Amino acid sequence: MSAYRLQQLKGHMLSGNKTAAMAGPPSPLTTHVLDTASGVPGSHMALSLHRQDPCSCAWSLVSSGVTDRDGRCPGLLTRDAFTPGVYKMRFETSEYWESLGQSSFYPYVEVVFSISDPGQKYHIPLLLSRFSYSTYRGS
């Protein structure tokens, strides 16, 4: 990982942003990033979760974090903070590929989804290569 990327992650974790907790009760919303081109987890990828205001359609930051060694980002939000609405998860893919000394076609990936029943568990996987990505609702 480049020195720039390490500094960026350190600054992200120390900033005033709400950052994903690493302990506590399981989040009702989870994600898992897989680098399908290399067959490894997408580790150390910055991501953020946003909620759309139903009146103005503006996006508000809910939380942010960095994927762990397994490509997961635990503790994105609490069950109490998980309300019905439209959300987006933004994955900073360009920074991820640059940290590996590679370039990519997509500078970031945003996955927009609707939550109608916050009592359920939602899983947003991202399958990624330098020139493609896919996602689906996991369980």
N, C-alpha and C. Protein backbone atom coordinates (compact mmCIF):
# COMPACT_ATOMS: atom_id res chain seq x y z
N MET A 1 0.85 -1.17 0.00
CA MET A 1 0.00 0.00 0.00
C MET A 1 0.89 1.23 0.00
N SER A 2 0.52 2.22 -0.79
CA SER A 2 1.35 3.41 -0.90
C SER A 2 1.32 4.23 0.39
N ALA A 3 2.36 5.03 0.58
CA ALA A 3 2.42 5.92 1.75
C ALA A 3 1.27 6.91 1.71
N TYR A 4 0.92 7.38 0.51
CA TYR A 4 -0.21 8.30 0.36
C TYR A 4 -1.51 7.65 0.85
N ARG A 5 -1.74 6.40 0.45
CA ARG A 5 -2.96 5.68 0.84
C ARG A 5 -3.01 5.46 2.35
N LEU A 6 -1.89 5.10 2.95
CA LEU A 6 -1.85 4.90 4.39
C LEU A 6 -2.16 6.20 5.12
N GLN A 7 -1.58 7.31 4.65
CA GLN A 7 -1.85 8.61 5.25
C GLN A 7 -3.32 8.97 5.11
N GLN A 8 -3.89 8.69 3.94
CA GLN A 8 -5.29 8.99 3.69
C GLN A 8 -6.19 8.19 4.62
N LEU A 9 -5.92 6.92 4.80
CA LEU A 9 -6.72 6.08 5.69
C LEU A 9 -6.59 6.55 7.12
N LYS A 10 -5.36 6.90 7.54
CA LYS A 10 -5.15 7.39 8.89
C LYS A 10 -5.94 8.68 9.12
N GLY A 11 -5.89 9.59 8.16
CA GLY A 11 -6.64 10.84 8.27
C GLY A 11 -8.13 10.60 8.29
N HIS A 12 -8.59 9.63 7.51
CA HIS A 12 -10.02 9.29 7.48
C HIS A 12 -10.47 8.78 8.85
N MET A 13 -9.67 7.93 9.45
CA MET A 13 -10.05 7.34 10.73
C MET A 13 -10.01 8.37 11.86
N LEU A 14 -9.15 9.40 11.73
CA LEU A 14 -9.03 10.41 12.78
C LEU A 14 -9.93 11.61 12.54
N SER A 15 -10.57 11.69 11.38
CA SER A 15 -11.38 12.85 11.06
C SER A 15 -12.66 12.86 11.87
N GLY A 16 -13.40 13.94 11.75
CA GLY A 16 -14.65 14.08 12.47
C GLY A 16 -15.79 13.29 11.87
N ASN A 17 -15.57 12.60 10.75
CA ASN A 17 -16.63 11.80 10.15
C ASN A 17 -17.04 10.67 11.08
N LYS A 18 -18.31 10.29 10.98
CA LYS A 18 -18.77 9.13 11.72
C LYS A 18 -18.14 7.92 11.03
N THR A 19 -17.35 7.18 11.75
CA THR A 19 -16.62 6.07 11.17
C THR A 19 -17.17 4.77 11.70
N ALA A 20 -17.21 3.77 10.86
CA ALA A 20 -17.76 2.48 11.24
C ALA A 20 -17.06 1.92 12.46
N ALA A 21 -17.84 1.49 13.41
CA ALA A 21 -17.30 0.90 14.63
C ALA A 21 -16.83 -0.52 14.34
N MET A 22 -15.87 -0.97 15.10
CA MET A 22 -15.35 -2.32 14.88
C MET A 22 -15.92 -3.32 15.88
N ALA A 23 -16.72 -2.87 16.84
CA ALA A 23 -17.29 -3.78 17.82
C ALA A 23 -18.72 -3.38 18.09
N GLY A 24 -19.42 -4.18 18.88
CA GLY A 24 -20.79 -3.88 19.22
C GLY A 24 -21.74 -4.83 18.50
N PRO A 25 -23.05 -4.54 18.60
CA PRO A 25 -24.02 -5.43 17.96
C PRO A 25 -23.88 -5.40 16.44
N PRO A 26 -24.25 -6.49 15.78
CA PRO A 26 -24.11 -6.53 14.33
C PRO A 26 -24.99 -5.48 13.65
N SER A 27 -24.46 -4.93 12.58
CA SER A 27 -25.18 -3.93 11.81
C SER A 27 -26.28 -4.62 10.98
N PRO A 28 -27.43 -3.97 10.82
CA PRO A 28 -28.47 -4.54 9.96
C PRO A 28 -28.12 -4.40 8.48
N LEU A 29 -27.05 -3.65 8.18
CA LEU A 29 -26.59 -3.45 6.81
C LEU A 29 -25.11 -3.82 6.75
N THR A 30 -24.79 -4.75 5.86
CA THR A 30 -23.40 -5.19 5.73
C THR A 30 -22.97 -5.12 4.27
N THR A 31 -21.67 -5.16 4.06
CA THR A 31 -21.12 -5.19 2.71
C THR A 31 -19.90 -6.09 2.68
N HIS A 32 -19.55 -6.52 1.49
CA HIS A 32 -18.38 -7.36 1.29
C HIS A 32 -17.86 -7.06 -0.11
N VAL A 33 -16.62 -6.63 -0.21
CA VAL A 33 -16.01 -6.31 -1.50
C VAL A 33 -15.07 -7.44 -1.89
N LEU A 34 -15.24 -7.95 -3.11
CA LEU A 34 -14.38 -9.01 -3.62
C LEU A 34 -13.73 -8.55 -4.92
N ASP A 35 -12.43 -8.62 -4.98
CA ASP A 35 -11.66 -8.34 -6.18
C ASP A 35 -11.69 -9.62 -7.01
N THR A 36 -12.65 -9.70 -7.92
CA THR A 36 -12.86 -10.94 -8.67
C THR A 36 -11.76 -11.19 -9.69
N ALA A 37 -11.06 -10.15 -10.12
CA ALA A 37 -9.97 -10.34 -11.08
C ALA A 37 -8.81 -11.08 -10.43
N SER A 38 -8.55 -10.80 -9.17
CA SER A 38 -7.44 -11.43 -8.46
C SER A 38 -7.89 -12.57 -7.55
N GLY A 39 -9.19 -12.65 -7.29
CA GLY A 39 -9.70 -13.70 -6.41
C GLY A 39 -9.40 -13.46 -4.94
N VAL A 40 -9.36 -12.19 -4.53
CA VAL A 40 -9.06 -11.84 -3.14
C VAL A 40 -10.07 -10.81 -2.64
N PRO A 41 -10.20 -10.67 -1.32
CA PRO A 41 -11.08 -9.63 -0.78
C PRO A 41 -10.56 -8.24 -1.15
N GLY A 42 -11.48 -7.31 -1.33
CA GLY A 42 -11.14 -5.91 -1.59
C GLY A 42 -10.85 -5.21 -0.27
N SER A 43 -9.67 -5.43 0.26
CA SER A 43 -9.34 -4.89 1.58
C SER A 43 -8.83 -3.45 1.50
N HIS A 44 -9.03 -2.73 2.59
CA HIS A 44 -8.56 -1.35 2.75
C HIS A 44 -9.21 -0.39 1.76
N MET A 45 -10.47 -0.64 1.40
CA MET A 45 -11.20 0.25 0.50
C MET A 45 -12.09 1.18 1.32
N ALA A 46 -11.95 2.48 1.09
CA ALA A 46 -12.80 3.46 1.77
C ALA A 46 -14.20 3.39 1.17
N LEU A 47 -15.19 3.56 2.03
CA LEU A 47 -16.58 3.59 1.57
C LEU A 47 -17.38 4.50 2.48
N SER A 48 -18.52 4.93 1.99
CA SER A 48 -19.41 5.77 2.79
C SER A 48 -20.85 5.38 2.52
N LEU A 49 -21.69 5.58 3.52
CA LEU A 49 -23.11 5.29 3.44
C LEU A 49 -23.87 6.60 3.57
N HIS A 50 -24.80 6.83 2.66
CA HIS A 50 -25.58 8.07 2.63
C HIS A 50 -27.07 7.73 2.60
N ARG A 51 -27.89 8.65 3.13
CA ARG A 51 -29.35 8.50 3.09
C ARG A 51 -29.92 9.71 2.36
N GLN A 52 -30.90 9.47 1.50
CA GLN A 52 -31.52 10.54 0.73
C GLN A 52 -32.67 11.15 1.51
N ASP A 53 -32.70 12.46 1.59
CA ASP A 53 -33.82 13.18 2.21
C ASP A 53 -35.03 13.05 1.29
N PRO A 54 -36.17 12.55 1.79
CA PRO A 54 -37.32 12.32 0.91
C PRO A 54 -37.92 13.61 0.34
N CYS A 55 -37.71 14.74 0.99
CA CYS A 55 -38.27 16.01 0.51
C CYS A 55 -37.37 16.71 -0.50
N SER A 56 -36.09 16.84 -0.16
CA SER A 56 -35.17 17.59 -1.02
C SER A 56 -34.39 16.71 -1.98
N CYS A 57 -34.38 15.42 -1.75
CA CYS A 57 -33.58 14.45 -2.51
C CYS A 57 -32.08 14.64 -2.30
N ALA A 58 -31.66 15.47 -1.35
CA ALA A 58 -30.25 15.65 -1.03
C ALA A 58 -29.75 14.44 -0.24
N TRP A 59 -28.46 14.15 -0.39
CA TRP A 59 -27.85 13.02 0.31
C TRP A 59 -27.16 13.50 1.58
N SER A 60 -27.34 12.75 2.67
CA SER A 60 -26.67 13.03 3.95
C SER A 60 -25.79 11.85 4.32
N LEU A 61 -24.59 12.16 4.78
CA LEU A 61 -23.67 11.11 5.21
C LEU A 61 -24.21 10.46 6.48
N VAL A 62 -24.30 9.14 6.47
CA VAL A 62 -24.73 8.37 7.64
C VAL A 62 -23.52 7.83 8.37
N SER A 63 -22.59 7.22 7.64
CA SER A 63 -21.36 6.69 8.23
C SER A 63 -20.34 6.46 7.14
N SER A 64 -19.12 6.21 7.55
CA SER A 64 -18.06 5.88 6.59
C SER A 64 -17.11 4.91 7.26
N GLY A 65 -16.32 4.26 6.46
CA GLY A 65 -15.39 3.29 7.00
C GLY A 65 -14.45 2.78 5.94
N VAL A 66 -13.69 1.77 6.29
CA VAL A 66 -12.71 1.15 5.41
C VAL A 66 -12.87 -0.36 5.55
N THR A 67 -12.85 -1.06 4.44
CA THR A 67 -12.99 -2.51 4.52
C THR A 67 -11.79 -3.13 5.23
N ASP A 68 -12.05 -4.20 5.94
CA ASP A 68 -11.00 -4.90 6.66
C ASP A 68 -10.26 -5.87 5.73
N ARG A 69 -9.41 -6.70 6.29
CA ARG A 69 -8.61 -7.63 5.49
C ARG A 69 -9.46 -8.63 4.72
N ASP A 70 -10.70 -8.86 5.21
CA ASP A 70 -11.61 -9.79 4.55
C ASP A 70 -12.54 -9.08 3.57
N GLY A 71 -12.35 -7.76 3.36
CA GLY A 71 -13.19 -7.01 2.43
C GLY A 71 -14.52 -6.59 3.02
N ARG A 72 -14.65 -6.69 4.34
CA ARG A 72 -15.92 -6.33 5.01
C ARG A 72 -15.76 -5.05 5.80
N CYS A 73 -16.88 -4.40 6.08
CA CYS A 73 -16.86 -3.17 6.87
C CYS A 73 -17.93 -3.29 7.95
N PRO A 74 -17.57 -3.89 9.08
CA PRO A 74 -18.57 -4.11 10.14
C PRO A 74 -18.97 -2.81 10.83
N GLY A 75 -20.16 -2.82 11.40
CA GLY A 75 -20.61 -1.70 12.21
C GLY A 75 -20.98 -0.45 11.43
N LEU A 76 -21.52 -0.59 10.22
CA LEU A 76 -21.86 0.59 9.43
C LEU A 76 -22.90 1.48 10.11
N LEU A 77 -23.88 0.88 10.75
CA LEU A 77 -24.87 1.67 11.49
C LEU A 77 -25.63 0.77 12.45
N THR A 78 -26.31 1.41 13.38
CA THR A 78 -27.07 0.67 14.38
C THR A 78 -28.48 0.40 13.87
N ARG A 79 -29.13 -0.54 14.48
CA ARG A 79 -30.51 -0.85 14.11
C ARG A 79 -31.40 0.38 14.31
N ASP A 80 -31.17 1.16 15.37
CA ASP A 80 -31.98 2.36 15.63
C ASP A 80 -31.81 3.41 14.54
N ALA A 81 -30.64 3.49 13.94
CA ALA A 81 -30.38 4.49 12.90
C ALA A 81 -30.85 4.03 11.52
N PHE A 82 -31.26 2.78 11.42
CA PHE A 82 -31.66 2.19 10.14
C PHE A 82 -33.16 2.38 9.96
N THR A 83 -33.54 3.34 9.14
CA THR A 83 -34.94 3.66 8.92
C THR A 83 -35.29 3.45 7.45
N PRO A 84 -36.58 3.30 7.13
CA PRO A 84 -36.96 3.17 5.73
C PRO A 84 -36.48 4.38 4.92
N GLY A 85 -36.14 4.13 3.67
CA GLY A 85 -35.71 5.22 2.80
C GLY A 85 -34.80 4.73 1.70
N VAL A 86 -34.24 5.70 0.98
CA VAL A 86 -33.32 5.42 -0.11
C VAL A 86 -31.90 5.71 0.39
N TYR A 87 -31.02 4.77 0.18
CA TYR A 87 -29.63 4.86 0.64
C TYR A 87 -28.70 4.67 -0.56
N LYS A 88 -27.45 5.11 -0.38
CA LYS A 88 -26.42 4.75 -1.35
C LYS A 88 -25.14 4.44 -0.59
N MET A 89 -24.45 3.46 -1.11
CA MET A 89 -23.14 3.12 -0.58
C MET A 89 -22.13 3.47 -1.67
N ARG A 90 -21.17 4.30 -1.30
CA ARG A 90 -20.15 4.74 -2.27
C ARG A 90 -18.82 4.07 -1.92
N PHE A 91 -18.27 3.37 -2.91
CA PHE A 91 -17.01 2.67 -2.77
C PHE A 91 -15.93 3.45 -3.54
N GLU A 92 -14.83 3.77 -2.90
CA GLU A 92 -13.76 4.55 -3.52
C GLU A 92 -12.81 3.62 -4.26
N THR A 93 -13.25 3.17 -5.42
CA THR A 93 -12.53 2.14 -6.17
C THR A 93 -11.22 2.65 -6.79
N SER A 94 -11.20 3.89 -7.24
CA SER A 94 -9.98 4.43 -7.85
C SER A 94 -8.83 4.41 -6.85
N GLU A 95 -9.09 4.84 -5.63
CA GLU A 95 -8.06 4.84 -4.58
C GLU A 95 -7.59 3.41 -4.29
N TYR A 96 -8.53 2.48 -4.30
CA TYR A 96 -8.19 1.08 -4.06
C TYR A 96 -7.21 0.58 -5.12
N TRP A 97 -7.55 0.78 -6.39
CA TRP A 97 -6.68 0.29 -7.47
C TRP A 97 -5.35 1.02 -7.48
N GLU A 98 -5.36 2.33 -7.22
CA GLU A 98 -4.10 3.08 -7.17
C GLU A 98 -3.18 2.55 -6.07
N SER A 99 -3.78 2.14 -4.93
CA SER A 99 -2.97 1.60 -3.84
C SER A 99 -2.29 0.29 -4.24
N LEU A 100 -2.82 -0.36 -5.27
CA LEU A 100 -2.24 -1.60 -5.80
C LEU A 100 -1.34 -1.33 -7.00
N GLY A 101 -1.15 -0.05 -7.34
CA GLY A 101 -0.30 0.31 -8.46
C GLY A 101 -0.98 0.10 -9.81
N GLN A 102 -2.31 0.12 -9.82
CA GLN A 102 -3.07 -0.11 -11.05
C GLN A 102 -4.05 1.03 -11.29
N SER A 103 -4.56 1.10 -12.49
CA SER A 103 -5.60 2.08 -12.81
C SER A 103 -6.91 1.33 -13.05
N SER A 104 -8.00 2.07 -13.06
CA SER A 104 -9.29 1.43 -13.32
C SER A 104 -10.18 2.36 -14.14
N PHE A 105 -11.19 1.82 -14.71
CA PHE A 105 -12.13 2.58 -15.53
C PHE A 105 -13.10 3.37 -14.66
N TYR A 106 -13.51 2.82 -13.53
CA TYR A 106 -14.50 3.46 -12.66
C TYR A 106 -13.80 4.12 -11.47
N PRO A 107 -13.89 5.44 -11.33
CA PRO A 107 -13.23 6.12 -10.21
C PRO A 107 -13.91 5.83 -8.87
N TYR A 108 -15.18 5.51 -8.90
CA TYR A 108 -15.92 5.12 -7.71
C TYR A 108 -17.15 4.34 -8.17
N VAL A 109 -17.75 3.62 -7.24
CA VAL A 109 -18.98 2.89 -7.51
C VAL A 109 -20.00 3.32 -6.48
N GLU A 110 -21.17 3.72 -6.93
CA GLU A 110 -22.27 4.03 -6.02
C GLU A 110 -23.40 3.04 -6.25
N VAL A 111 -23.82 2.39 -5.17
CA VAL A 111 -24.92 1.44 -5.22
C VAL A 111 -26.08 2.08 -4.47
N VAL A 112 -27.16 2.37 -5.18
CA VAL A 112 -28.34 3.01 -4.59
C VAL A 112 -29.39 1.93 -4.38
N PHE A 113 -30.00 1.93 -3.19
CA PHE A 113 -30.98 0.89 -2.85
C PHE A 113 -32.04 1.45 -1.91
N SER A 114 -33.19 0.78 -1.88
CA SER A 114 -34.32 1.19 -1.03
C SER A 114 -34.49 0.22 0.12
N ILE A 115 -34.74 0.78 1.29
CA ILE A 115 -35.06 -0.01 2.47
C ILE A 115 -36.52 0.23 2.82
N SER A 116 -37.31 -0.82 2.77
CA SER A 116 -38.72 -0.68 3.14
C SER A 116 -39.00 -1.31 4.50
N ASP A 117 -38.24 -2.33 4.86
CA ASP A 117 -38.43 -3.02 6.13
C ASP A 117 -37.10 -3.04 6.89
N PRO A 118 -36.86 -2.03 7.76
CA PRO A 118 -35.59 -1.99 8.47
C PRO A 118 -35.41 -3.11 9.49
N GLY A 119 -36.43 -3.93 9.69
CA GLY A 119 -36.32 -5.07 10.58
C GLY A 119 -35.55 -6.22 9.94
N GLN A 120 -35.38 -6.18 8.63
CA GLN A 120 -34.63 -7.21 7.92
C GLN A 120 -33.14 -6.89 7.93
N LYS A 121 -32.35 -7.88 7.58
CA LYS A 121 -30.91 -7.68 7.39
C LYS A 121 -30.68 -7.50 5.90
N TYR A 122 -29.84 -6.53 5.55
CA TYR A 122 -29.51 -6.25 4.16
C TYR A 122 -28.00 -6.40 3.96
N HIS A 123 -27.62 -7.03 2.86
CA HIS A 123 -26.22 -7.23 2.54
C HIS A 123 -25.98 -6.74 1.12
N ILE A 124 -24.99 -5.85 0.95
CA ILE A 124 -24.67 -5.26 -0.35
C ILE A 124 -23.26 -5.70 -0.75
N PRO A 125 -23.13 -6.80 -1.49
CA PRO A 125 -21.82 -7.22 -1.95
C PRO A 125 -21.40 -6.44 -3.20
N LEU A 126 -20.11 -6.22 -3.35
CA LEU A 126 -19.57 -5.60 -4.56
C LEU A 126 -18.52 -6.53 -5.13
N LEU A 127 -18.77 -7.03 -6.33
CA LEU A 127 -17.82 -7.87 -7.06
C LEU A 127 -17.12 -6.94 -8.05
N LEU A 128 -15.80 -6.89 -8.00
CA LEU A 128 -15.07 -5.82 -8.64
C LEU A 128 -13.86 -6.30 -9.43
N SER A 129 -13.67 -5.70 -10.59
CA SER A 129 -12.41 -5.80 -11.32
C SER A 129 -12.07 -4.39 -11.78
N ARG A 130 -10.95 -4.22 -12.45
CA ARG A 130 -10.56 -2.87 -12.87
C ARG A 130 -11.49 -2.29 -13.94
N PHE A 131 -12.22 -3.16 -14.66
CA PHE A 131 -13.05 -2.68 -15.76
C PHE A 131 -14.51 -3.10 -15.66
N SER A 132 -14.91 -3.65 -14.53
CA SER A 132 -16.31 -4.03 -14.36
C SER A 132 -16.63 -4.17 -12.88
N TYR A 133 -17.92 -4.14 -12.59
CA TYR A 133 -18.39 -4.43 -11.23
C TYR A 133 -19.82 -4.93 -11.31
N SER A 134 -20.23 -5.64 -10.28
CA SER A 134 -21.62 -6.07 -10.17
C SER A 134 -21.98 -6.13 -8.69
N THR A 135 -23.26 -6.11 -8.42
CA THR A 135 -23.76 -6.17 -7.06
C THR A 135 -25.12 -6.85 -7.07
N TYR A 136 -25.58 -7.22 -5.92
CA TYR A 136 -26.89 -7.85 -5.77
C TYR A 136 -27.30 -7.72 -4.32
N ARG A 137 -28.56 -8.00 -4.03
CA ARG A 137 -28.98 -8.02 -2.63
C ARG A 137 -28.66 -9.38 -2.07
N GLY A 138 -27.74 -9.40 -1.14
CA GLY A 138 -27.37 -10.64 -0.48
C GLY A 138 -28.19 -10.84 0.77
N SER A 139 -27.87 -11.89 1.48
CA SER A 139 -28.61 -12.17 2.72
C SER A 139 -27.65 -12.25 3.90
